[in-house]
Protein backbone atom coordinates (compact mmCIF):
# COMPACT_ATOMS: atom_id res chain seq x y z
CA UNK A 1 8.30 1.79 -0.46
CA UNK A 2 6.48 4.88 0.77
CA UNK A 3 7.37 6.70 -2.44
CA UNK A 4 7.12 3.77 -4.71
CA UNK A 5 3.45 2.72 -3.84
CA UNK A 6 1.47 5.77 -4.82
CA UNK A 7 3.69 6.47 -8.10
CA UNK A 8 3.18 2.89 -8.95
CA UNK A 9 -0.34 3.06 -8.33
CA UNK A 10 -0.65 6.30 -10.45
CA UNK A 11 1.20 4.58 -13.23
CA UNK A 12 -0.84 1.59 -13.24
CA UNK A 13 -4.01 3.47 -13.35
CA UNK A 14 -2.79 5.53 -15.89
CA UNK A 15 -1.83 2.53 -18.01
CA UNK A 16 -5.07 0.53 -17.36
CA UNK A 17 -7.19 3.53 -18.49
CA UNK A 18 -5.23 4.05 -21.74
CA UNK A 19 -5.64 0.32 -22.33
CA UNK A 20 -9.16 0.33 -22.00
CA UNK A 21 -9.67 3.63 -24.22
CA UNK A 22 -7.58 1.73 -26.93
CA UNK A 23 -8.69 -1.82 -27.00
CA UNK A 24 -12.19 -2.12 -25.27
CA UNK A 25 -15.48 -2.12 -27.09
CA UNK A 26 -17.29 1.17 -26.36
CA UNK A 27 -21.11 1.50 -26.70
CA UNK A 28 -22.62 4.93 -26.92
CA UNK A 29 -24.14 5.49 -23.28
CA UNK A 30 -26.24 8.60 -22.45
CA UNK A 31 -23.99 11.25 -20.50
CA UNK A 32 -24.10 11.22 -16.71
CA UNK A 33 -25.47 14.12 -15.15
CA UNK A 34 -23.26 15.24 -12.49
CA UNK A 35 -24.45 15.53 -8.91
CA UNK A 36 -24.19 19.56 -8.23
CA UNK A 37 -25.89 19.08 -4.75
CA UNK A 38 -24.41 21.33 -2.13
CA UNK A 39 -21.66 19.00 -0.26
CA UNK A 40 -21.77 20.92 3.02
CA UNK A 41 -25.47 20.50 4.03
CA UNK A 42 -27.55 19.99 0.82
CA UNK A 43 -29.02 23.46 0.89
CA UNK A 44 -29.50 23.41 -2.86
CA UNK A 45 -29.29 21.16 -6.08
CA UNK A 46 -26.86 23.05 -7.91
CA UNK A 47 -29.15 23.11 -10.96
CA UNK A 48 -31.70 25.69 -10.12
CA UNK A 49 -29.47 28.34 -8.79
CA UNK A 50 -26.88 30.59 -10.09
CA UNK A 51 -23.28 28.91 -10.32
CA UNK A 52 -21.60 31.95 -8.94
CA UNK A 53 -24.13 31.95 -6.13
CA UNK A 54 -23.84 28.19 -5.36
CA UNK A 55 -20.28 28.62 -4.67
CA UNK A 56 -20.51 31.32 -2.32
CA UNK A 57 -23.20 29.63 -0.26
CA UNK A 58 -20.86 28.90 2.74
CA UNK A 59 -17.68 30.15 4.11
CA UNK A 60 -14.17 28.59 3.83
CA UNK A 61 -14.48 27.62 7.50
CA UNK A 62 -17.90 25.81 6.99
CA UNK A 63 -16.53 23.77 4.01
CA UNK A 64 -13.45 22.99 5.84
CA UNK A 65 -15.34 21.99 8.75
CA UNK A 66 -17.64 19.88 6.72
CA UNK A 67 -14.67 18.00 4.90
CA UNK A 68 -13.19 17.24 8.25
CA UNK A 69 -16.35 15.95 9.51
CA UNK A 70 -16.68 13.65 6.48
CA UNK A 71 -13.06 12.48 6.77
CA UNK A 72 -13.37 11.61 10.63
CA UNK A 73 -17.02 10.01 10.32
CA UNK A 74 -17.89 8.82 7.02
CA UNK A 75 -14.70 7.98 5.46
CA UNK A 76 -12.89 6.54 8.62
CA UNK A 77 -16.09 4.78 9.46
CA UNK A 78 -15.51 2.65 5.97
CA UNK A 79 -11.92 2.42 6.52
CA UNK A 80 -11.53 1.49 10.24
CA UNK A 81 -12.71 -2.19 10.16
CA UNK A 82 -10.64 -3.13 7.50
CA UNK A 83 -7.77 -1.19 8.95
CA UNK A 84 -8.12 -2.99 12.09
CA UNK A 85 -8.20 -6.51 10.29
CA UNK A 86 -5.02 -5.79 8.50
CA UNK A 87 -3.30 -5.19 11.57
CA UNK A 88 -4.54 -8.14 13.13
CA UNK A 89 -3.41 -10.39 10.23
CA UNK A 90 -0.01 -8.53 10.26
CA UNK A 91 0.45 -9.24 13.80
CA UNK A 92 -0.48 -12.85 13.20
CA UNK A 93 2.13 -12.99 10.41
CA UNK A 94 4.89 -11.39 12.41
CA UNK A 95 4.21 -13.66 15.62
CA UNK A 96 3.48 -17.04 13.70
CA UNK A 97 5.50 -17.37 10.57
CA UNK A 98 9.13 -17.97 11.20
CA UNK A 99 11.65 -15.38 9.78
CA UNK A 100 13.21 -17.69 7.04
CA UNK A 101 9.62 -19.04 5.74
CA UNK A 102 9.27 -16.84 2.81
CA UNK A 103 12.74 -17.00 1.81
CA UNK A 104 12.58 -20.80 1.63
CA UNK A 105 9.28 -21.26 0.29
CA UNK A 106 8.52 -18.31 -1.95
CA UNK A 107 11.94 -17.35 -3.24
CA UNK A 108 12.74 -14.10 -4.99
CA UNK A 109 12.73 -12.35 -8.29
CA UNK A 110 9.99 -12.66 -11.11
CA UNK A 111 8.89 -16.06 -10.07
CA UNK A 112 7.92 -14.82 -6.61
CA UNK A 113 6.19 -11.96 -8.07
CA UNK A 114 4.15 -14.24 -10.30
CA UNK A 115 3.11 -16.34 -7.54
CA UNK A 116 2.24 -13.36 -5.55
CA UNK A 117 0.07 -11.91 -8.37
CA UNK A 118 -1.59 -15.41 -8.67
CA UNK A 119 -2.40 -15.32 -4.67
CA UNK A 120 -3.23 -11.55 -4.66
CA UNK A 121 -5.55 -11.51 -7.73
CA UNK A 122 -8.43 -13.49 -6.21
CA UNK A 123 -7.61 -12.40 -2.69
CA UNK A 124 -10.56 -10.16 -1.21
CA UNK A 125 -8.57 -7.53 0.62
CA UNK A 126 -8.80 -3.65 0.30
CA UNK A 127 -5.79 -1.10 0.41
CA UNK A 128 -6.11 -0.33 4.02
CA UNK A 129 -5.74 -3.69 5.10
CA UNK A 130 -3.04 -4.62 2.74
CA UNK A 131 -0.65 -2.04 3.86
CA UNK A 132 0.12 -3.46 7.26
CA UNK A 133 0.20 -6.98 5.74
CA UNK A 134 2.86 -5.82 3.41
CA UNK A 135 4.98 -4.24 6.08
CA UNK A 136 4.82 -7.72 8.03
CA UNK A 137 5.74 -9.52 4.80
CA UNK A 138 8.97 -7.13 4.07
CA UNK A 139 9.82 -8.02 8.01
CA UNK A 140 9.70 -11.67 7.33
CA UNK A 141 12.06 -11.32 4.37
CA UNK A 142 9.66 -10.56 1.38
CA UNK A 143 11.19 -8.56 -1.41
CA UNK A 144 10.01 -5.24 -1.65
CA UNK A 145 8.97 -5.85 -5.27
CA UNK A 146 6.88 -8.83 -4.30
CA UNK A 147 5.23 -6.95 -1.54
CA UNK A 148 4.57 -4.14 -4.04
CA UNK A 149 2.78 -6.66 -6.19
CA UNK A 150 0.82 -7.92 -3.40
CA UNK A 151 -0.17 -4.01 -2.68
CA UNK A 152 -1.16 -3.19 -6.27
CA UNK A 153 -2.87 -6.34 -7.39
CA UNK A 154 -4.71 -7.33 -4.29
CA UNK A 155 -6.99 -4.37 -3.48
CA UNK A 156 -7.46 -3.89 -7.47
CA UNK A 157 -8.39 -7.30 -8.52
CA UNK A 158 -10.42 -9.12 -5.79
CA UNK A 159 -13.36 -11.46 -7.15
CA UNK A 160 -16.11 -9.25 -5.84
CA UNK A 161 -14.83 -6.23 -7.73
CA UNK A 162 -14.55 -8.54 -10.81
CA UNK A 163 -18.15 -9.59 -10.56
CA UNK A 164 -19.26 -6.15 -10.55
CA UNK A 165 -17.00 -5.11 -13.37
CA UNK A 166 -18.08 -7.77 -15.74
CA UNK A 167 -21.77 -6.92 -15.41
CA UNK A 168 -20.91 -3.42 -15.75
CA UNK A 169 -18.09 -3.30 -18.28
CA UNK A 170 -17.95 -6.52 -20.03
CA UNK A 171 -15.84 -9.48 -20.09
CA UNK A 172 -13.59 -7.84 -22.81
CA UNK A 173 -12.87 -4.75 -20.50
CA UNK A 174 -12.40 -6.64 -17.50
CA UNK A 175 -9.69 -8.88 -19.37
CA UNK A 176 -7.91 -5.80 -20.51
CA UNK A 177 -7.98 -4.32 -17.31
CA UNK A 178 -6.56 -7.37 -15.40
CA UNK A 179 -3.68 -7.78 -17.99
CA UNK A 180 -2.70 -3.93 -17.52
CA UNK A 181 -2.79 -4.55 -13.54
CA UNK A 182 -1.09 -7.98 -13.75
CA UNK A 183 1.63 -6.66 -16.37
CA UNK A 184 2.22 -3.02 -14.36
CA UNK A 185 2.48 -4.86 -11.02
CA UNK A 186 5.23 -7.17 -12.16
CA UNK A 187 7.12 -4.72 -13.84
CA UNK A 188 7.02 -2.14 -11.22
CA UNK A 189 7.93 -4.68 -8.59
CA UNK A 190 11.03 -5.70 -10.60
CA UNK A 191 11.74 -2.00 -10.79
CA UNK A 192 11.45 -1.46 -7.15
CA UNK A 193 13.81 -4.40 -6.44
CA UNK A 194 16.37 -3.03 -8.79
CA UNK A 195 16.24 0.47 -7.38
CA UNK A 196 16.87 -0.90 -3.72
CA UNK A 197 19.61 -3.24 -5.20
CA UNK A 198 21.25 -0.23 -6.66
CA UNK A 199 20.90 2.09 -3.84
CA UNK A 200 22.12 -0.41 -1.32
CA UNK A 201 19.06 -0.16 0.79
CA UNK A 202 17.63 -3.17 2.70
CA UNK A 203 13.78 -2.87 2.92
CA UNK A 204 13.77 -5.31 6.01
CA UNK A 205 16.43 -2.93 7.95
CA UNK A 206 14.35 0.27 7.03
CA UNK A 207 11.05 -0.97 7.81
CA UNK A 208 9.47 0.68 10.94
CA UNK A 209 12.41 3.13 11.21
CA UNK A 210 10.14 6.11 10.53
CA UNK A 211 8.72 5.37 13.89
CA UNK A 212 12.15 6.44 15.56
CA UNK A 213 11.30 9.82 14.62
CA UNK A 214 8.01 10.52 16.17
CA UNK A 215 8.45 10.77 20.06
CA UNK A 216 6.80 8.15 22.14
CA UNK A 217 4.12 10.29 23.56
CA UNK A 218 2.88 11.29 20.27
CA UNK A 219 2.73 7.74 19.25
CA UNK A 220 0.77 6.64 22.16
CA UNK A 221 -1.60 9.95 21.62
CA UNK A 222 -2.22 9.34 18.01
CA UNK A 223 -2.83 5.58 18.68
CA UNK A 224 -5.29 6.35 21.44
CA UNK A 225 -7.18 8.95 19.13
CA UNK A 226 -7.25 6.33 16.26
CA UNK A 227 -8.94 3.89 18.55
CA UNK A 228 -11.24 6.47 19.91
CA UNK A 229 -12.42 7.16 16.42
CA UNK A 230 -12.93 3.56 15.51
CA UNK A 231 -14.89 2.00 18.19
CA UNK A 232 -18.14 3.34 16.96
CA UNK A 233 -17.77 2.41 13.32
CA UNK A 234 -16.37 -0.81 13.99
CA UNK A 235 -19.16 -1.89 16.21
CA UNK A 236 -21.83 -0.54 13.63
CA UNK A 237 -20.03 -2.81 11.01
CA UNK A 238 -20.29 -5.85 13.13
CA UNK A 239 -23.58 -4.99 13.98
CA UNK A 240 -24.44 -4.77 10.32
CA UNK A 241 -22.82 -7.96 9.52
CA UNK A 242 -24.85 -9.90 12.16
CA UNK A 243 -28.13 -8.25 10.99
CA UNK A 244 -27.20 -9.47 7.40
CA UNK A 245 -26.45 -12.96 8.82
CA UNK A 246 -29.56 -13.03 10.74
CA UNK A 247 -31.75 -11.73 7.94
CA UNK A 248 -30.52 -14.60 5.85
CA UNK A 249 -32.20 -17.08 8.26
CA UNK A 250 -35.77 -16.50 7.99
CA UNK A 251 -35.89 -16.75 4.13
CA UNK A 252 -34.08 -19.92 4.00
CA UNK A 253 -36.51 -21.33 6.72
CA UNK A 254 -39.48 -19.92 4.80
CA UNK A 255 -38.23 -21.52 1.47
CA UNK A 256 -37.73 -24.98 3.24
CA UNK A 257 -41.18 -24.78 4.80
CA UNK A 258 -42.54 -24.01 1.47
CA UNK A 259 -40.70 -27.04 -0.18
CA UNK A 260 -42.04 -29.54 2.80
CA UNK A 261 -45.20 -31.61 1.95
CA UNK A 262 -48.27 -30.44 3.25
CA UNK A 263 -50.85 -33.01 4.63
CA UNK A 264 -54.25 -32.93 3.20
CA UNK A 265 -57.07 -31.39 5.49
CA UNK A 266 -59.07 -34.23 7.11
CA UNK A 267 -62.10 -35.11 5.25
CA UNK A 268 -65.58 -34.08 6.40
CA UNK A 269 -68.01 -37.05 7.63
CA UNK A 270 -70.14 -38.39 4.75
CA UNK A 271 -73.69 -37.57 4.99
CA UNK A 272 -74.99 -40.58 2.87
CA UNK A 273 -75.99 -42.33 5.64
CA UNK A 274 -78.03 -39.59 7.26
CA UNK A 275 -82.13 -40.49 7.58
């Protein structure tokens, strides 16, 4: 599965891109200007300086340090909350769902893949969170091909992404995209099941065995490092969600106040009877 997932993702993306180029309606858009700003510290815009000089602004060590800093802070900061959400859901699946639940209710083969496709397409889940969930599903008896369908279709076709793509690419392009993702997911899931059957490998028995290669002290050290790296971005993510939720309150209250009827001001006393 470790090899099958990136290979299947590459093949699916390739087929989806080719299908878009062949069948989607393409209008003439102005060319997009690339961002040539120095990625290390933004020292220049990359336009008003010689390309050779631009490439040699920083040493290899400075570029490597900037890349590691981006991976540890910005990139992992975006991934960390979803990663721990996936671990939480995987733990709940492992503990709460009986071992024979999916074998009794989901089945196997193409019907199970189509059902998983129907569940995965509207589901809002990212690739990071889907990985531990798929591992938990395999441990509960789900076929590796069905799990691969979930890994491919879930992150690529959630409803939020579809809304953005419809506005950006159009309905025709999104329909081609969904058809390519769905067809490739089922086809590759079936191929993975056949490969496991031919090789005589049990995905359920093989899941988690890679951890036996790594010493226990190294596992704990890596886990503590991941937790330490994730504390700040996870807290910031929850704070941003709470701020968005709090910001949604005042406008709603203001709108309700604007819709409420306003009592007319009291009338001034009449002066008609004055002497």
